[in-house]
Protein backbone atom coordinates (compact mmCIF):
# COMPACT_ATOMS: atom_id res chain seq x y z
CA MET A 1 148.46 89.87 74.69
CA ARG A 2 146.91 92.75 76.59
CA LYS A 3 145.04 94.33 73.72
CA PRO A 4 142.61 91.45 73.14
CA PHE A 5 142.02 91.27 76.90
CA LEU A 6 141.22 94.99 77.09
CA LYS A 7 139.00 94.70 74.06
CA SER A 8 137.16 91.74 75.61
CA ALA A 9 136.77 93.54 78.92
CA PHE A 10 135.40 96.62 77.16
CA ALA A 11 133.04 94.44 75.11
CA ALA A 12 131.83 92.65 78.23
CA ALA A 13 131.17 95.95 79.98
CA THR A 14 129.34 97.25 76.92
CA VAL A 15 127.20 94.12 76.73
CA ALA A 16 126.39 94.43 80.43
CA LEU A 17 125.41 98.06 79.97
CA ILE A 18 123.23 97.25 76.98
CA ALA A 19 121.60 94.37 78.85
CA ALA A 20 120.84 96.64 81.77
CA SER A 21 119.35 99.36 79.62
CA CYS A 22 117.25 96.80 77.76
CA GLY A 23 115.45 95.79 80.92
CA THR A 24 117.21 92.89 82.60
CA THR A 25 114.84 91.88 85.37
CA SER A 26 117.02 91.02 88.36
CA PRO A 27 119.87 93.31 89.48
CA VAL A 28 123.36 92.07 90.25
CA ILE A 29 123.72 92.71 93.97
CA THR A 30 127.05 92.98 95.77
CA SER A 31 125.76 95.19 98.61
CA THR A 32 125.80 94.18 102.25
CA PRO A 33 122.68 94.59 104.42
CA ILE A 34 122.14 97.41 106.87
CA GLN A 35 122.76 96.12 110.39
CA ASN A 36 123.51 97.20 113.98
CA ILE A 37 121.14 100.15 113.87
CA ASP A 38 121.15 100.53 117.65
CA GLN A 39 124.51 102.25 117.23
CA GLN A 40 122.96 104.98 115.08
CA PRO A 41 122.67 108.45 116.64
CA LEU A 42 119.26 109.87 117.42
CA LYS A 43 118.07 112.85 115.37
CA ASN A 44 117.70 115.62 117.92
CA ILE A 45 116.45 118.33 115.59
CA ALA A 46 113.05 118.68 113.94
CA LEU A 47 112.66 117.33 110.43
CA THR A 48 112.62 119.88 107.64
CA ASP A 49 109.57 120.09 105.39
CA VAL A 50 111.39 118.12 102.68
CA GLU A 51 112.53 115.46 105.16
CA LEU A 52 109.06 115.09 106.64
CA LYS A 53 107.38 114.73 103.25
CA GLY A 54 109.75 111.93 102.28
CA TRP A 55 110.69 110.39 105.60
CA GLY A 56 109.16 107.00 104.78
CA GLY A 57 111.85 106.48 102.12
CA ALA A 58 114.76 107.75 104.21
CA ASP A 59 117.72 105.66 105.32
CA LEU A 60 118.46 105.39 109.02
CA VAL A 61 122.24 105.29 108.56
CA GLN A 62 122.53 108.17 106.11
CA ASP A 63 119.65 110.35 107.28
CA THR A 64 119.18 109.26 110.93
CA ILE A 65 115.48 108.89 110.05
CA PRO A 66 113.93 105.40 110.38
CA GLY A 67 112.48 105.07 106.90
CA MET A 68 112.62 102.05 104.57
CA SER A 69 115.85 102.98 102.68
CA VAL A 70 113.82 103.34 99.48
CA GLN A 71 116.01 105.92 97.75
CA LYS A 72 119.15 104.01 98.76
CA ALA A 73 117.74 100.89 97.09
CA TYR A 74 116.97 102.80 93.89
CA ASP A 75 120.36 104.52 93.80
CA GLU A 76 122.55 101.57 94.68
CA ILE A 77 120.70 98.45 93.54
CA ILE A 78 118.03 98.83 90.85
CA LYS A 79 118.70 102.11 89.04
CA ASP A 80 119.91 100.34 85.88
CA TYR A 81 117.31 97.57 85.86
CA GLN A 82 113.78 97.77 84.58
CA GLY A 83 111.91 94.91 86.21
CA LYS A 84 108.45 93.66 85.24
CA THR A 85 105.06 95.31 85.68
CA VAL A 86 103.13 94.20 88.76
CA ILE A 87 99.42 94.81 89.34
CA VAL A 88 98.52 95.89 92.88
CA GLY A 89 94.88 95.72 93.94
CA VAL A 90 93.85 98.54 96.28
CA ILE A 91 90.71 97.54 98.17
CA ASP A 92 89.63 100.79 99.75
CA SER A 93 87.21 103.72 99.65
CA GLY A 94 87.89 104.47 95.98
CA VAL A 95 90.78 105.95 94.02
CA ASP A 96 90.90 109.20 92.05
CA ILE A 97 92.20 107.61 88.85
CA GLU A 98 92.53 111.01 87.17
CA HIS A 99 94.95 112.39 89.77
CA GLU A 100 97.99 113.98 88.14
CA ASP A 101 100.38 111.68 90.03
CA LEU A 102 98.36 108.48 89.54
CA LYS A 103 96.75 108.64 86.10
CA ASN A 104 99.76 107.02 84.41
CA VAL A 105 99.95 104.12 86.88
CA ILE A 106 96.29 103.02 86.86
CA TRP A 107 95.55 99.48 85.67
CA VAL A 108 93.64 99.17 82.41
CA ASN A 109 91.67 96.03 81.61
CA GLU A 110 92.77 95.52 78.02
CA ASP A 111 90.18 92.78 77.50
CA GLU A 112 87.26 95.14 78.10
CA ILE A 113 85.94 97.68 75.56
CA PRO A 114 85.12 100.92 77.40
CA GLY A 115 81.54 102.13 77.50
CA ASN A 116 79.84 99.50 75.36
CA GLY A 117 77.76 98.05 78.19
CA ILE A 118 79.01 94.54 77.46
CA ASP A 119 81.02 92.18 79.62
CA ASP A 120 83.61 91.66 76.88
CA ASP A 121 86.04 89.58 78.94
CA LYS A 122 83.16 87.62 80.51
CA ASN A 123 84.50 88.03 84.05
CA GLY A 124 81.08 88.96 85.40
CA TYR A 125 81.68 92.74 85.47
CA ILE A 126 80.52 95.10 82.72
CA ASP A 127 82.96 97.80 81.55
CA ASP A 128 85.36 97.18 84.44
CA ILE A 129 88.13 99.19 82.84
CA HIS A 130 90.10 100.11 85.98
CA GLY A 131 88.58 97.81 88.59
CA TRP A 132 85.18 97.66 90.25
CA ASN A 133 83.01 99.64 92.67
CA PHE A 134 81.32 97.13 94.99
CA LEU A 135 79.49 99.92 96.83
CA GLY A 136 77.69 101.45 93.88
CA ASP A 137 76.48 104.91 94.98
CA ALA A 138 76.60 104.10 98.70
CA ILE A 139 78.83 106.20 100.95
CA ALA A 140 77.60 106.34 104.57
CA GLU A 141 77.30 103.09 106.49
CA ASN A 142 76.80 101.70 109.98
CA LEU A 143 79.54 100.07 111.97
CA GLU A 144 79.35 96.28 111.95
CA TYR A 145 78.11 95.93 115.52
CA VAL A 146 75.27 98.37 114.74
CA ARG A 147 74.27 96.19 111.80
CA ILE A 148 74.40 93.15 114.07
CA ILE A 149 72.00 94.82 116.50
CA LYS A 150 69.59 95.80 113.72
CA ARG A 151 69.69 92.34 112.18
CA LEU A 152 69.39 90.29 115.36
CA GLN A 153 67.32 92.50 117.64
CA PRO A 154 63.96 91.06 116.48
CA LYS A 155 65.24 87.58 117.34
CA TYR A 156 66.91 88.22 120.69
CA GLU A 157 65.53 91.41 122.23
CA GLY A 158 64.53 90.82 125.86
CA LYS A 159 65.96 87.29 125.94
CA THR A 160 68.56 85.87 128.28
CA LYS A 161 71.08 83.11 127.73
CA ASN A 162 68.66 80.59 129.21
CA ASP A 163 66.05 81.46 126.56
CA VAL A 164 68.35 80.66 123.65
CA ALA A 165 68.83 77.30 121.95
CA ALA A 166 72.34 75.85 122.09
CA SER A 167 72.65 76.15 118.31
CA ASP A 168 72.02 79.91 118.55
CA LEU A 169 74.24 80.61 121.54
CA ALA A 170 77.25 81.94 119.61
CA GLU A 171 75.00 84.29 117.62
CA PHE A 172 73.29 85.47 120.82
CA GLU A 173 76.63 86.18 122.48
CA MET A 174 77.72 88.18 119.42
CA TYR A 175 74.48 90.18 119.68
CA GLN A 176 75.11 90.90 123.37
CA ALA A 177 78.72 91.95 122.67
CA ALA A 178 77.50 94.24 119.88
CA GLN A 179 75.03 95.90 122.23
CA GLN A 180 77.71 96.49 124.85
CA GLU A 181 80.09 97.95 122.27
CA PHE A 182 77.37 100.19 120.86
CA GLU A 183 76.44 101.63 124.24
CA LYS A 184 80.08 102.27 125.14
CA GLU A 185 81.06 103.87 121.82
CA TYR A 186 77.84 105.87 121.44
CA ASN A 187 78.19 107.36 124.91
CA GLU A 188 81.88 108.18 124.41
CA THR A 189 81.17 109.82 121.05
CA THR A 190 78.35 111.92 122.48
CA GLN A 191 80.56 113.04 125.37
CA ASN A 192 83.42 113.91 123.03
CA GLN A 193 81.10 115.85 120.76
CA ASN A 194 79.79 117.90 123.71
CA TYR A 195 83.31 118.47 125.02
CA TYR A 196 84.57 119.75 121.64
CA GLN A 197 81.53 121.99 121.27
CA GLN A 198 82.16 123.47 124.71
CA LEU A 199 85.84 124.01 123.92
CA LEU A 200 85.04 125.75 120.64
CA ALA A 201 82.49 127.98 122.38
CA SER A 202 85.10 128.85 125.02
CA VAL A 203 87.68 129.72 122.36
CA ASN A 204 85.19 131.95 120.54
CA ASN A 205 83.98 133.69 123.71
CA SER A 206 87.49 134.19 125.12
CA SER A 207 88.75 135.50 121.76
CA LYS A 208 85.91 138.00 121.65
CA LEU A 209 86.72 139.30 125.15
CA VAL A 210 90.42 139.68 124.35
CA SER A 211 89.74 141.29 120.96
CA GLU A 212 87.47 143.89 122.58
CA LYS A 213 90.13 144.63 125.20
CA LEU A 214 92.97 144.93 122.67
CA GLY A 215 90.88 146.72 120.07
CA LYS A 216 91.90 144.28 117.34
CA GLU A 217 90.52 141.00 116.03
CA ASP A 218 93.81 139.18 115.45
CA PHE A 219 96.46 139.07 118.11
CA SER A 220 99.64 137.16 118.88
CA ARG A 221 100.42 135.18 121.99
CA LYS A 222 102.90 137.90 122.96
CA GLU A 223 100.16 140.52 122.70
CA LEU A 224 97.81 138.27 124.65
CA MET A 225 100.22 137.90 127.56
CA ALA A 226 101.11 141.61 127.53
CA MET A 227 97.43 142.51 127.90
CA GLU A 228 96.33 143.89 131.27
CA ALA A 229 93.70 141.41 132.44
CA ASP A 230 91.83 143.64 134.88
CA THR A 231 88.74 141.48 135.37
CA PRO A 232 88.31 137.84 136.44
CA GLU A 233 86.73 137.10 133.04
CA LEU A 234 89.75 138.52 131.18
CA GLN A 235 92.17 136.69 133.46
CA GLN A 236 90.39 133.43 132.74
CA ALA A 237 90.28 134.14 128.99
CA GLN A 238 93.97 135.07 128.95
CA ALA A 239 95.04 131.89 130.74
CA PHE A 240 92.76 129.69 128.60
CA LEU A 241 93.88 131.15 125.25
CA ASN A 242 97.53 131.10 126.29
CA ASN A 243 97.23 127.37 126.89
CA ILE A 244 95.57 126.87 123.48
CA MET A 245 98.16 128.98 121.63
CA MET A 246 101.07 127.36 123.47
CA ASN A 247 99.96 123.88 122.34
CA ILE A 248 98.59 124.63 118.87
CA GLY A 249 100.15 127.97 117.98
CA ASP A 250 97.29 129.66 116.19
CA LEU A 251 93.73 130.32 117.31
CA GLU A 252 92.25 129.93 113.85
CA GLU A 253 93.99 126.58 113.51
CA ALA A 254 92.62 125.57 116.92
CA LYS A 255 89.11 126.52 115.83
CA GLU A 256 89.48 124.52 112.61
CA GLN A 257 90.72 121.45 114.49
CA LEU A 258 87.88 121.65 117.01
CA GLN A 259 85.31 122.05 114.23
CA GLU A 260 86.80 119.07 112.39
CA GLY A 261 86.43 117.06 115.59
CA ILE A 262 82.81 118.15 115.97
CA ASP A 263 82.10 117.24 112.35
CA TYR A 264 83.73 113.84 112.84
CA PHE A 265 81.63 113.04 115.91
CA ASN A 266 78.51 114.30 114.13
CA THR A 267 79.21 111.96 111.24
CA ARG A 268 79.60 109.03 113.60
CA LEU A 269 76.30 109.81 115.29
CA GLU A 270 74.43 110.45 112.04
CA SER A 271 75.69 107.41 110.16
CA HIS A 272 77.97 105.00 112.04
CA PHE A 273 75.63 104.67 115.06
CA ASN A 274 72.33 105.50 113.36
CA LEU A 275 69.98 102.56 113.86
CA GLU A 276 67.58 104.04 111.27
CA LEU A 277 70.17 104.27 108.47
CA ASP A 278 69.95 101.81 105.59
CA GLY A 279 73.13 102.69 103.75
CA ARG A 280 72.94 99.58 101.60
CA ALA A 281 69.48 100.24 100.16
CA ILE A 282 70.91 102.26 97.26
CA VAL A 283 73.12 99.34 96.20
CA GLY A 284 70.18 96.98 95.72
CA ASP A 285 71.79 93.65 96.64
CA ASP A 286 71.53 91.38 99.66
CA PRO A 287 74.83 91.91 101.50
CA TYR A 288 74.29 88.68 103.43
CA ASP A 289 74.04 86.53 100.31
CA ILE A 290 77.46 85.77 98.83
CA THR A 291 75.83 84.38 95.67
CA ASP A 292 74.11 87.72 94.92
CA VAL A 293 76.95 89.16 92.85
CA ASN A 294 75.20 91.25 90.21
CA TYR A 295 75.69 94.67 91.80
CA GLY A 296 78.01 97.69 91.85
CA ASN A 297 79.45 99.63 88.91
CA ASN A 298 82.72 100.68 87.30
CA ASP A 299 82.90 104.14 88.94
CA VAL A 300 85.94 103.31 91.05
CA ASP A 301 86.32 106.76 92.61
CA GLY A 302 82.73 106.77 93.90
CA PRO A 303 79.67 108.98 93.38
CA ASP A 304 80.86 112.13 95.18
CA GLU A 305 81.79 114.83 92.63
CA LYS A 306 84.35 116.25 95.05
CA LYS A 307 85.71 112.71 95.48
CA GLU A 308 86.00 113.31 99.22
CA ASP A 309 85.02 109.72 99.96
CA ALA A 310 87.95 108.56 97.79
CA LYS A 311 90.56 110.41 99.89
CA HIS A 312 91.70 107.39 101.87
CA GLY A 313 92.06 105.12 98.85
CA THR A 314 93.79 107.80 96.79
CA HIS A 315 96.30 108.38 99.60
CA VAL A 316 96.96 104.64 99.83
CA ALA A 317 97.43 104.33 96.07
CA GLY A 318 99.89 107.23 96.06
CA ILE A 319 102.03 105.71 98.79
CA ILE A 320 102.32 102.53 96.75
CA ALA A 321 102.85 103.89 93.28
CA ALA A 322 102.58 107.66 92.71
CA GLU A 323 104.64 108.22 89.57
CA ARG A 324 108.30 108.56 90.46
CA ASN A 325 110.60 111.33 89.28
CA ASN A 326 107.97 113.26 87.32
CA ASN A 327 108.60 116.46 89.32
CA ILE A 328 105.00 116.36 90.56
CA GLY A 329 103.86 115.95 94.13
CA MET A 330 105.62 112.88 95.51
CA ASN A 331 107.27 109.59 94.70
CA GLY A 332 105.50 106.34 95.44
CA VAL A 333 107.53 103.46 96.84
CA ALA A 334 107.28 101.33 93.71
CA LYS A 335 107.78 101.80 90.00
CA ASN A 336 106.56 99.19 87.50
CA VAL A 337 103.18 99.11 89.24
CA LYS A 338 99.63 99.37 87.94
CA ILE A 339 96.98 100.19 90.53
CA MET A 340 93.74 98.20 90.28
CA ALA A 341 91.04 100.22 92.08
CA LEU A 342 88.46 98.24 94.06
CA ARG A 343 85.96 100.37 95.96
CA ALA A 344 84.61 98.29 98.84
CA VAL A 345 85.16 100.35 102.03
CA PRO A 346 82.37 102.85 102.87
CA ASP A 347 82.30 105.60 105.47
CA GLY A 348 81.59 103.03 108.17
CA ASP A 349 82.44 99.34 108.34
CA GLU A 350 82.92 97.25 105.22
CA TYR A 351 80.71 94.26 104.42
CA ASP A 352 82.41 90.85 104.44
CA LYS A 353 80.78 90.03 101.11
CA ASP A 354 82.29 93.06 99.37
CA ILE A 355 85.77 92.33 100.71
CA ALA A 356 85.61 88.66 99.76
CA LEU A 357 84.47 89.45 96.22
CA ALA A 358 87.01 92.27 95.84
CA ILE A 359 89.87 89.93 96.80
CA ARG A 360 88.65 87.34 94.31
CA TYR A 361 88.26 90.00 91.60
CA ALA A 362 91.85 91.17 92.14
CA VAL A 363 93.18 87.61 92.02
CA ASP A 364 91.19 86.67 88.92
CA ASN A 365 92.27 89.79 87.05
CA GLY A 366 96.00 89.55 87.55
CA ALA A 367 96.92 91.31 90.80
CA LYS A 368 100.00 89.85 92.51
CA VAL A 369 99.75 92.10 95.58
CA ILE A 370 96.57 93.30 97.34
CA ASN A 371 96.49 96.12 99.90
CA THR A 372 93.79 96.00 102.61
CA SER A 373 93.95 99.17 104.72
CA PHE A 374 90.78 98.69 106.76
CA GLY A 375 89.47 96.55 109.58
CA LYS A 376 86.81 95.96 112.22
CA TYR A 377 86.38 94.01 115.45
CA PHE A 378 83.05 92.36 114.61
CA SER A 379 82.27 90.19 111.60
CA GLN A 380 79.10 88.32 110.66
CA ASP A 381 80.49 86.30 107.77
CA PRO A 382 84.26 86.02 108.37
CA GLU A 383 84.48 82.69 106.55
CA TRP A 384 83.75 84.44 103.23
CA VAL A 385 86.86 86.57 103.69
CA THR A 386 89.07 83.75 104.99
CA ASP A 387 88.02 81.64 102.00
CA ALA A 388 89.01 84.54 99.72
CA ILE A 389 92.39 84.82 101.47
CA LYS A 390 92.93 81.10 100.88
CA TYR A 391 91.90 81.63 97.24
CA ALA A 392 94.54 84.34 96.93
CA ALA A 393 97.14 82.05 98.49
CA LYS A 394 96.26 79.27 96.06
CA HIS A 395 96.87 81.69 93.19
CA ASP A 396 100.13 83.09 94.63
CA VAL A 397 98.85 86.56 95.61
CA LEU A 398 100.24 88.41 98.62
CA ILE A 399 97.83 90.40 100.83
CA VAL A 400 99.31 93.29 102.82
CA ASN A 401 97.02 94.27 105.68
CA ALA A 402 96.83 97.23 108.10
CA ALA A 403 96.99 96.24 111.79
CA GLY A 404 94.61 98.97 113.01
CA ASN A 405 94.81 102.18 115.00
CA ASP A 406 93.48 101.50 118.50
CA ALA A 407 96.79 100.92 120.32
CA THR A 408 95.49 97.40 120.98
CA ASP A 409 97.30 94.09 121.45
CA LEU A 410 95.90 91.95 118.63
CA ASP A 411 97.04 88.82 120.45
CA THR A 412 94.19 89.50 122.89
CA LYS A 413 91.56 90.96 120.54
CA MET A 414 90.39 89.53 117.22
CA VAL A 415 90.34 91.88 114.25
CA TYR A 416 88.95 91.34 110.73
CA PRO A 417 90.24 90.65 108.12
CA ASN A 418 92.70 88.17 109.57
CA ASP A 419 94.60 85.06 108.56
CA GLN A 420 93.34 83.27 111.64
CA LYS A 421 89.91 82.00 112.61
CA PRO A 422 88.33 83.30 115.83
CA GLY A 423 89.69 81.43 118.84
CA GLU A 424 92.47 79.74 116.84
CA SER A 425 96.17 80.60 116.68
CA GLN A 426 96.98 78.63 113.53
CA GLU A 427 97.27 80.77 110.39
CA ILE A 428 95.03 79.73 107.52
CA SER A 429 97.57 80.71 104.86
CA ASN A 430 101.11 82.03 104.35
CA ASN A 431 100.24 84.97 102.07
CA PHE A 432 98.85 87.45 104.61
CA LEU A 433 101.18 90.13 106.02
CA THR A 434 99.93 92.45 108.80
CA VAL A 435 101.66 95.79 109.30
CA GLY A 436 101.91 98.09 112.31
CA ALA A 437 102.86 101.77 112.07
CA SER A 438 106.21 103.28 113.01
CA ASN A 439 107.09 106.90 113.70
CA TYR A 440 109.78 109.19 112.24
CA ALA A 441 111.23 109.79 115.73
CA TYR A 442 113.87 107.10 116.15
CA GLY A 443 114.26 106.01 119.77
CA ASP A 444 111.64 105.29 122.41
CA LYS A 445 108.93 106.90 120.24
CA LEU A 446 109.64 104.62 117.29
CA VAL A 447 106.19 102.96 117.41
CA ALA A 448 103.27 105.20 116.43
CA SER A 449 101.17 105.98 119.51
CA PHE A 450 97.99 104.75 117.78
CA SER A 451 99.33 101.53 116.26
CA ASN A 452 98.01 98.10 117.13
CA TYR A 453 100.67 95.51 117.86
CA GLY A 454 101.01 91.82 118.70
CA LYS A 455 103.83 89.31 118.99
CA GLN A 456 101.70 86.73 117.16
CA ASN A 457 99.37 88.82 114.99
CA VAL A 458 101.37 91.79 113.69
CA ASP A 459 104.20 90.79 111.37
CA VAL A 460 106.26 93.96 110.84
CA PHE A 461 106.28 97.73 111.32
CA ALA A 462 106.60 100.39 108.63
CA PRO A 463 106.26 104.20 108.32
CA GLY A 464 102.72 105.31 109.19
CA THR A 465 102.96 108.60 111.09
CA LYS A 466 102.32 111.84 109.19
CA ILE A 467 102.69 110.47 105.65
CA TRP A 468 102.57 112.89 102.70
CA ALA A 469 100.70 111.45 99.71
CA THR A 470 98.08 112.00 97.02
CA THR A 471 94.51 113.04 97.76
CA PRO A 472 91.67 113.69 95.26
CA LEU A 473 91.60 116.51 92.70
CA ASP A 474 95.39 116.72 92.33
CA GLN A 475 95.94 117.49 96.00
CA TYR A 476 98.41 116.12 98.57
CA GLU A 477 98.00 115.81 102.33
CA TYR A 478 99.51 114.35 105.46
CA LEU A 479 97.49 111.41 106.78
CA GLN A 480 98.52 108.81 109.30
CA GLY A 481 97.60 105.34 110.46
CA THR A 482 98.48 101.74 109.85
CA SER A 483 96.46 102.42 106.68
CA MET A 484 99.54 104.30 105.48
CA ALA A 485 102.05 101.72 106.75
CA ALA A 486 100.45 98.83 104.85
CA PRO A 487 100.72 100.42 101.36
CA ALA A 488 104.36 101.30 102.05
CA VAL A 489 104.97 97.58 102.51
CA ALA A 490 102.72 96.73 99.54
CA GLY A 491 105.05 98.92 97.48
CA VAL A 492 108.06 96.98 98.77
CA ALA A 493 106.31 93.69 97.95
CA ALA A 494 105.48 94.90 94.45
CA LEU A 495 109.10 95.85 93.79
CA ILE A 496 110.33 92.46 94.94
CA ARG A 497 107.81 90.73 92.70
CA SER A 498 108.83 93.04 89.86
CA TYR A 499 112.53 92.17 90.02
CA TYR A 500 112.24 88.61 91.34
CA PRO A 501 109.04 87.32 89.70
CA LYS A 502 109.88 83.68 90.46
CA LEU A 503 109.60 84.23 94.22
CA THR A 504 106.23 83.11 95.57
CA ALA A 505 103.91 85.25 97.67
CA ALA A 506 104.97 83.27 100.74
CA GLN A 507 108.63 83.84 99.92
CA VAL A 508 108.08 87.57 99.44
CA LYS A 509 106.41 87.70 102.86
CA GLN A 510 109.40 85.83 104.29
CA VAL A 511 111.85 88.23 102.63
CA ILE A 512 110.07 91.30 104.00
CA MET A 513 109.90 89.90 107.54
CA GLN A 514 113.44 88.53 107.72
CA SER A 515 115.24 91.42 106.04
CA GLY A 516 113.90 94.23 108.19
CA LEU A 517 115.90 96.28 110.68
CA SER A 518 116.04 94.85 114.19
CA SER A 519 116.30 97.04 117.27
CA SER A 520 116.92 96.14 120.89
CA ALA A 521 115.44 99.47 121.98
CA ASP A 522 112.64 99.79 124.49
CA VAL A 523 109.74 101.80 123.06
CA ILE A 524 106.61 103.50 124.34
CA VAL A 525 103.48 101.51 123.53
CA GLY A 526 100.10 103.12 122.88
CA GLY A 527 101.45 106.60 123.59
CA ASN A 528 101.60 105.73 127.31
CA PRO A 529 105.02 106.71 128.77
CA GLU A 530 104.46 104.21 131.57
CA ASP A 531 104.05 101.32 129.11
CA VAL A 532 107.55 100.67 127.79
CA ARG A 533 108.44 97.36 126.10
CA PRO A 534 111.15 95.95 123.84
CA PHE A 535 110.42 96.80 120.20
CA SER A 536 111.29 93.20 119.34
CA GLU A 537 108.28 91.96 121.33
CA LEU A 538 105.62 93.96 119.43
CA SER A 539 105.55 91.91 116.22
CA VAL A 540 106.34 88.45 114.90
CA SER A 541 109.55 89.59 113.22
CA GLY A 542 110.43 92.33 115.69
CA LYS A 543 111.55 94.39 112.70
CA MET A 544 111.00 97.51 110.61
CA VAL A 545 110.60 96.92 106.87
CA ASN A 546 113.65 97.89 104.81
CA LEU A 547 113.61 97.82 101.01
CA TYR A 548 117.40 97.87 100.63
CA ASN A 549 117.83 94.78 102.79
CA ALA A 550 114.82 93.13 101.18
CA PHE A 551 116.46 93.27 97.75
CA ILE A 552 119.63 91.70 99.12
CA LEU A 553 117.75 88.81 100.73
CA ALA A 554 115.45 88.39 97.71
CA ASP A 555 118.51 88.06 95.51
CA LYS A 556 119.96 85.34 97.76
CA MET A 557 116.66 83.50 98.02
CA SER A 558 116.10 83.59 94.26
CA LYS A 559 119.40 81.76 93.76
């Protein structure tokens, strides 16, 4: 009687293997979730180059690095299952769709004939093969509060609250707040620019003095400290350069960093704060008319030949879906993904109109997840964006949003986009997931020093410090911010929707929030060692996103 049983068992195993290889959608999960992470040892040694480049996918138990257990999920849960293709809309600065690690995962609009100048699919966009560029050839832009000043100054300049009609009071108060913010930020930027310029001049002058004394242009810190500083000027130069080299390690690197800072502040002064700039003129539309939709083009990586303005969006796209296991560059979080590129974020603050239309475009053209790694603290037409978020919710699309990088409590300061209306605590939808940034140092430095937080307005935390990913022209770089944390979670969401397509956007959000890793640890907030709070109090869930656990919970919820 045993032979038929063995034959049946072998046949069943063979059928299971064939089914798996043929692309069964949902895996059979017998794993148990990762728990009790507070018992895990701290990693007391520096990460290797390999560990640092892939830390976002590491497993806390196996690697003692607080990543999202991405590789563990692939190895132990989904390696034999194909899943379904999921389109992820990346609303950002543009995406280098020809990048070696992205070109095979870029969405293609099959209903559009390339280059014929005709709106074949009649969706309102001509030749939108890979998405849409809502900025046209525009790159530099003002910040939103600068645009508010320019727009409202003719109406309110010189007026006080008593001069304003009750119906205009809210607008007047926004104008006053914009002016205050402008003065504060402009002055701080000018001061920082001057400080960096002075520091760079000091480095150059001190280096010249030391080089003349040593008789050589390049010198080590050891040689610097061995030098006989026989004049007050040399003593000062020696002490100054020693401090620079002790903190940075290399004078040339210090000079590069200082020059980058100067360039950054120059850019802010020349574009972000420039009251004379009309960055939108080249686009040709009215950005304050939501019905004026005939603008932009299909050049989703933007007009810059060097594609420098597409760096942010390309990095975001790579984190989500850079082609896995192709022995090139890096592995994105998700396979089975097609990236829809939507250029709507300039070098400056985005327009509400562009964001609203980009969300609607993504929804109407099949995206099931949208990544929004941008934000601002002023908004002139927030209802356009909230209406678009509701539209996405109605069509079962999950939006994964970056919390922001100002070490600010979002429960006390409104940020846009948001799933709440100003002054209200009630969420407008259940499809909007806001992500703070975590750090690779497990322990009291778990929360990135720059990350915004909020017990009511930040949902989860995910890897966002020093993230290695794609940048234009087949390059790769470390960037950091909640802009990097959000796409990591968008990748997790895409994988859940790939393997459990019947789960709704709201359910996927629930899975991600409930399945994360909890910690009772106290952590430093805002990089301030004197501000220490329970990690559990910094977000709604009090958790770090974990792909391995998310699959386990998604499997239970789907049944």
